[in-house]
C-alpha atoms as a PDB file:
ATOM      1  CA  UNK A   1     -82.040 -21.410  39.101  1.00  0.00           C
ATOM      2  CA  UNK A   2     -79.198 -20.607  36.770  1.00  0.00           C
ATOM      3  CA  UNK A   3     -76.415 -23.092  35.816  1.00  0.00           C
ATOM      4  CA  UNK A   4     -73.267 -21.771  34.075  1.00  0.00           C
ATOM      5  CA  UNK A   5     -70.681 -23.836  32.361  1.00  0.00           C
ATOM      6  CA  UNK A   6     -67.236 -22.270  31.869  1.00  0.00           C
ATOM      7  CA  UNK A   7     -63.728 -23.303  31.059  1.00  0.00           C
ATOM      8  CA  UNK A   8     -63.974 -24.239  27.220  1.00  0.00           C
ATOM      9  CA  UNK A   9     -61.500 -23.288  24.652  1.00  0.00           C
ATOM     10  CA  UNK A  10     -59.272 -24.356  21.948  1.00  0.00           C
ATOM     11  CA  UNK A  11     -56.930 -27.341  22.651  1.00  0.00           C
ATOM     12  CA  UNK A  12     -54.761 -29.525  20.545  1.00  0.00           C
ATOM     13  CA  UNK A  13     -55.496 -33.237  20.275  1.00  0.00           C
ATOM     14  CA  UNK A  14     -54.059 -34.988  23.341  1.00  0.00           C
ATOM     15  CA  UNK A  15     -54.485 -32.007  25.462  1.00  0.00           C
ATOM     16  CA  UNK A  16     -56.589 -31.398  28.596  1.00  0.00           C
ATOM     17  CA  UNK A  17     -59.323 -28.941  29.721  1.00  0.00           C
ATOM     18  CA  UNK A  18     -61.254 -28.629  32.891  1.00  0.00           C
ATOM     19  CA  UNK A  19     -64.891 -27.306  32.678  1.00  0.00           C
ATOM     20  CA  UNK A  20     -66.622 -25.883  35.491  1.00  0.00           C
ATOM     21  CA  UNK A  21     -70.477 -25.821  36.377  1.00  0.00           C
ATOM     22  CA  UNK A  22     -71.471 -23.157  38.814  1.00  0.00           C
ATOM     23  CA  UNK A  23     -74.928 -22.011  40.096  1.00  0.00           C
ATOM     24  CA  UNK A  24     -76.366 -18.913  41.590  1.00  0.00           C
ATOM     25  CA  UNK A  25     -78.856 -19.217  44.441  1.00  0.00           C
ATOM     26  CA  UNK A  26     -78.734 -23.051  44.011  1.00  0.00           C
ATOM     27  CA  UNK A  27     -76.596 -25.502  45.982  1.00  0.00           C
ATOM     28  CA  UNK A  28     -75.181 -28.180  43.529  1.00  0.00           C
ATOM     29  CA  UNK A  29     -74.175 -30.651  46.242  1.00  0.00           C
ATOM     30  CA  UNK A  30     -77.468 -31.938  46.923  1.00  0.00           C
ATOM     31  CA  UNK A  31     -78.458 -32.737  43.295  1.00  0.00           C
ATOM     32  CA  UNK A  32     -77.374 -35.046  40.418  1.00  0.00           C
ATOM     33  CA  UNK A  33     -75.427 -32.983  37.916  1.00  0.00           C
ATOM     34  CA  UNK A  34     -74.722 -34.005  34.337  1.00  0.00           C
ATOM     35  CA  UNK A  35     -72.556 -32.855  31.703  1.00  0.00           C
ATOM     36  CA  UNK A  36     -73.774 -32.822  28.122  1.00  0.00           C
ATOM     37  CA  UNK A  37     -72.430 -31.922  24.909  1.00  0.00           C
ATOM     38  CA  UNK A  38     -73.694 -31.076  21.396  1.00  0.00           C
ATOM     39  CA  UNK A  39     -71.737 -31.038  18.205  1.00  0.00           C
ATOM     40  CA  UNK A  40     -72.919 -29.390  15.018  1.00  0.00           C
ATOM     41  CA  UNK A  41     -75.169 -31.817  13.199  1.00  0.00           C
ATOM     42  CA  UNK A  42     -75.153 -34.287  15.922  1.00  0.00           C
ATOM     43  CA  UNK A  43     -77.610 -35.370  18.717  1.00  0.00           C
ATOM     44  CA  UNK A  44     -77.196 -33.989  22.204  1.00  0.00           C
ATOM     45  CA  UNK A  45     -75.122 -36.595  24.306  1.00  0.00           C
ATOM     46  CA  UNK A  46     -74.943 -36.929  28.011  1.00  0.00           C
ATOM     47  CA  UNK A  47     -71.200 -37.857  28.820  1.00  0.00           C
ATOM     48  CA  UNK A  48     -70.856 -37.838  32.607  1.00  0.00           C
ATOM     49  CA  UNK A  49     -73.000 -37.566  35.705  1.00  0.00           C
ATOM     50  CA  UNK A  50     -72.496 -37.274  39.494  1.00  0.00           C
ATOM     51  CA  UNK A  51     -75.129 -38.399  42.086  1.00  0.00           C
ATOM     52  CA  UNK A  52     -76.316 -35.827  44.652  1.00  0.00           C
ATOM     53  CA  UNK A  53     -76.363 -38.094  47.815  1.00  0.00           C
ATOM     54  CA  UNK A  54     -73.370 -40.386  47.379  1.00  0.00           C
ATOM     55  CA  UNK A  55     -71.348 -38.743  44.659  1.00  0.00           C
ATOM     56  CA  UNK A  56     -71.272 -41.922  42.584  1.00  0.00           C
ATOM     57  CA  UNK A  57     -70.074 -41.028  39.033  1.00  0.00           C
ATOM     58  CA  UNK A  58     -70.951 -42.318  35.711  1.00  0.00           C
ATOM     59  CA  UNK A  59     -69.637 -41.761  32.232  1.00  0.00           C
ATOM     60  CA  UNK A  60     -70.452 -43.054  28.731  1.00  0.00           C
ATOM     61  CA  UNK A  61     -67.832 -45.638  27.455  1.00  0.00           C
ATOM     62  CA  UNK A  62     -66.443 -43.073  24.726  1.00  0.00           C
ATOM     63  CA  UNK A  63     -65.078 -40.827  27.588  1.00  0.00           C
ATOM     64  CA  UNK A  64     -64.895 -42.966  30.815  1.00  0.00           C
ATOM     65  CA  UNK A  65     -61.151 -43.414  30.604  1.00  0.00           C
ATOM     66  CA  UNK A  66     -60.536 -39.933  29.871  1.00  0.00           C
ATOM     67  CA  UNK A  67     -63.051 -37.549  31.570  1.00  0.00           C
ATOM     68  CA  UNK A  68     -63.628 -37.179  35.415  1.00  0.00           C
ATOM     69  CA  UNK A  69     -66.559 -35.551  36.987  1.00  0.00           C
ATOM     70  CA  UNK A  70     -66.214 -34.218  40.501  1.00  0.00           C
ATOM     71  CA  UNK A  71     -67.496 -31.821  43.054  1.00  0.00           C
ATOM     72  CA  UNK A  72     -65.824 -28.835  44.702  1.00  0.00           C
ATOM     73  CA  UNK A  73     -68.545 -28.075  47.382  1.00  0.00           C
ATOM     74  CA  UNK A  74     -66.650 -25.296  48.997  1.00  0.00           C
ATOM     75  CA  UNK A  75     -67.057 -23.352  45.695  1.00  0.00           C
ATOM     76  CA  UNK A  76     -70.510 -24.802  44.762  1.00  0.00           C
ATOM     77  CA  UNK A  77     -68.962 -26.226  41.516  1.00  0.00           C
ATOM     78  CA  UNK A  78     -69.069 -29.416  39.370  1.00  0.00           C
ATOM     79  CA  UNK A  79     -65.966 -29.905  37.388  1.00  0.00           C
ATOM     80  CA  UNK A  80     -65.391 -32.089  34.416  1.00  0.00           C
ATOM     81  CA  UNK A  81     -61.685 -32.729  33.809  1.00  0.00           C
ATOM     82  CA  UNK A  82     -61.014 -33.915  30.309  1.00  0.00           C
ATOM     83  CA  UNK A  83     -57.817 -35.512  29.282  1.00  0.00           C
ATOM     84  CA  UNK A  84     -56.428 -36.913  26.089  1.00  0.00           C
ATOM     85  CA  UNK A  85     -59.015 -34.937  24.151  1.00  0.00           C
ATOM     86  CA  UNK A  86     -59.806 -35.867  20.512  1.00  0.00           C
ATOM     87  CA  UNK A  87     -61.220 -33.863  17.714  1.00  0.00           C
ATOM     88  CA  UNK A  88     -64.491 -35.755  18.025  1.00  0.00           C
ATOM     89  CA  UNK A  89     -64.781 -34.267  21.577  1.00  0.00           C
ATOM     90  CA  UNK A  90     -65.293 -30.906  19.829  1.00  0.00           C
ATOM     91  CA  UNK A  91     -68.717 -29.579  20.927  1.00  0.00           C
ATOM     92  CA  UNK A  92     -70.666 -27.128  23.087  1.00  0.00           C
ATOM     93  CA  UNK A  93     -70.635 -28.535  26.576  1.00  0.00           C
ATOM     94  CA  UNK A  94     -73.118 -27.654  29.283  1.00  0.00           C
ATOM     95  CA  UNK A  95     -74.293 -28.804  32.726  1.00  0.00           C
ATOM     96  CA  UNK A  96     -77.803 -29.557  33.826  1.00  0.00           C
ATOM     97  CA  UNK A  97     -79.897 -31.231  36.404  1.00  0.00           C
ATOM     98  CA  UNK A  98     -83.514 -32.489  36.593  1.00  0.00           C
ATOM     99  CA  UNK A  99     -83.572 -31.576  40.255  1.00  0.00           C
ATOM    100  CA  UNK A 100     -83.270 -34.985  41.658  1.00  0.00           C
ATOM    101  CA  UNK A 101     -80.323 -36.736  43.403  1.00  0.00           C
ATOM    102  CA  UNK A 102     -79.730 -39.697  41.178  1.00  0.00           C
ATOM    103  CA  UNK A 103     -78.236 -39.833  37.590  1.00  0.00           C
ATOM    104  CA  UNK A 104     -81.240 -41.542  35.937  1.00  0.00           C
ATOM    105  CA  UNK A 105     -81.633 -42.715  32.378  1.00  0.00           C
ATOM    106  CA  UNK A 106     -82.016 -39.084  31.160  1.00  0.00           C
ATOM    107  CA  UNK A 107     -78.465 -38.253  31.929  1.00  0.00           C
ATOM    108  CA  UNK A 108     -76.149 -40.465  29.865  1.00  0.00           C
ATOM    109  CA  UNK A 109     -76.066 -41.372  26.173  1.00  0.00           C
ATOM    110  CA  UNK A 110     -77.488 -39.928  22.904  1.00  0.00           C
ATOM    111  CA  UNK A 111     -80.600 -37.835  22.754  1.00  0.00           C
ATOM    112  CA  UNK A 112     -80.950 -37.071  26.469  1.00  0.00           C
ATOM    113  CA  UNK A 113     -80.433 -33.994  28.538  1.00  0.00           C
ATOM    114  CA  UNK A 114     -83.724 -32.174  28.080  1.00  0.00           C
ATOM    115  CA  UNK A 115     -83.809 -30.844  31.600  1.00  0.00           C
ATOM    116  CA  UNK A 116     -85.579 -28.256  33.549  1.00  0.00           C
ATOM    117  CA  UNK A 117     -82.402 -26.704  34.950  1.00  0.00           C
ATOM    118  CA  UNK A 118     -79.853 -25.997  32.208  1.00  0.00           C
ATOM    119  CA  UNK A 119     -77.181 -23.425  31.733  1.00  0.00           C
ATOM    120  CA  UNK A 120     -75.558 -21.882  28.786  1.00  0.00           C
ATOM    121  CA  UNK A 121     -72.830 -23.927  27.304  1.00  0.00           C
ATOM    122  CA  UNK A 122     -69.129 -23.487  26.747  1.00  0.00           C
ATOM    123  CA  UNK A 123     -67.476 -24.279  23.469  1.00  0.00           C
ATOM    124  CA  UNK A 124     -64.606 -26.899  23.396  1.00  0.00           C
ATOM    125  CA  UNK A 125     -62.599 -27.036  20.196  1.00  0.00           C
ATOM    126  CA  UNK A 126     -59.990 -29.908  19.747  1.00  0.00           C
ATOM    127  CA  UNK A 127     -57.979 -29.030  16.829  1.00  0.00           C
ATOM    128  CA  UNK A 128     -54.334 -28.811  15.710  1.00  0.00           C
END
């Protein structure tokens, strides 16, 4: 199973980006998929997650009003739409799943995200 995050780049504060998580030979729609980030010198942080069965979405408070996670099943993709970006959102972002269908305790907050199925990340830089 190989997950791949894409869509990162350089954006000014207040700008928007949409990240995409895709997979080869693995159907994302059945599984909980989380988005995680890690900034230099900081702990890994789980920011958003979407359930596999019912597509319920969860986000940490620091991004809940600005980030939206969603599925595009036709393209086997999970997207993370990020708005009103701040310099503190700068990090490498990656998607991952533990193979279950619920966003459990290991999907949100600091120090989580050590999962069996994890792809390479994409760098998001928020700077003027």
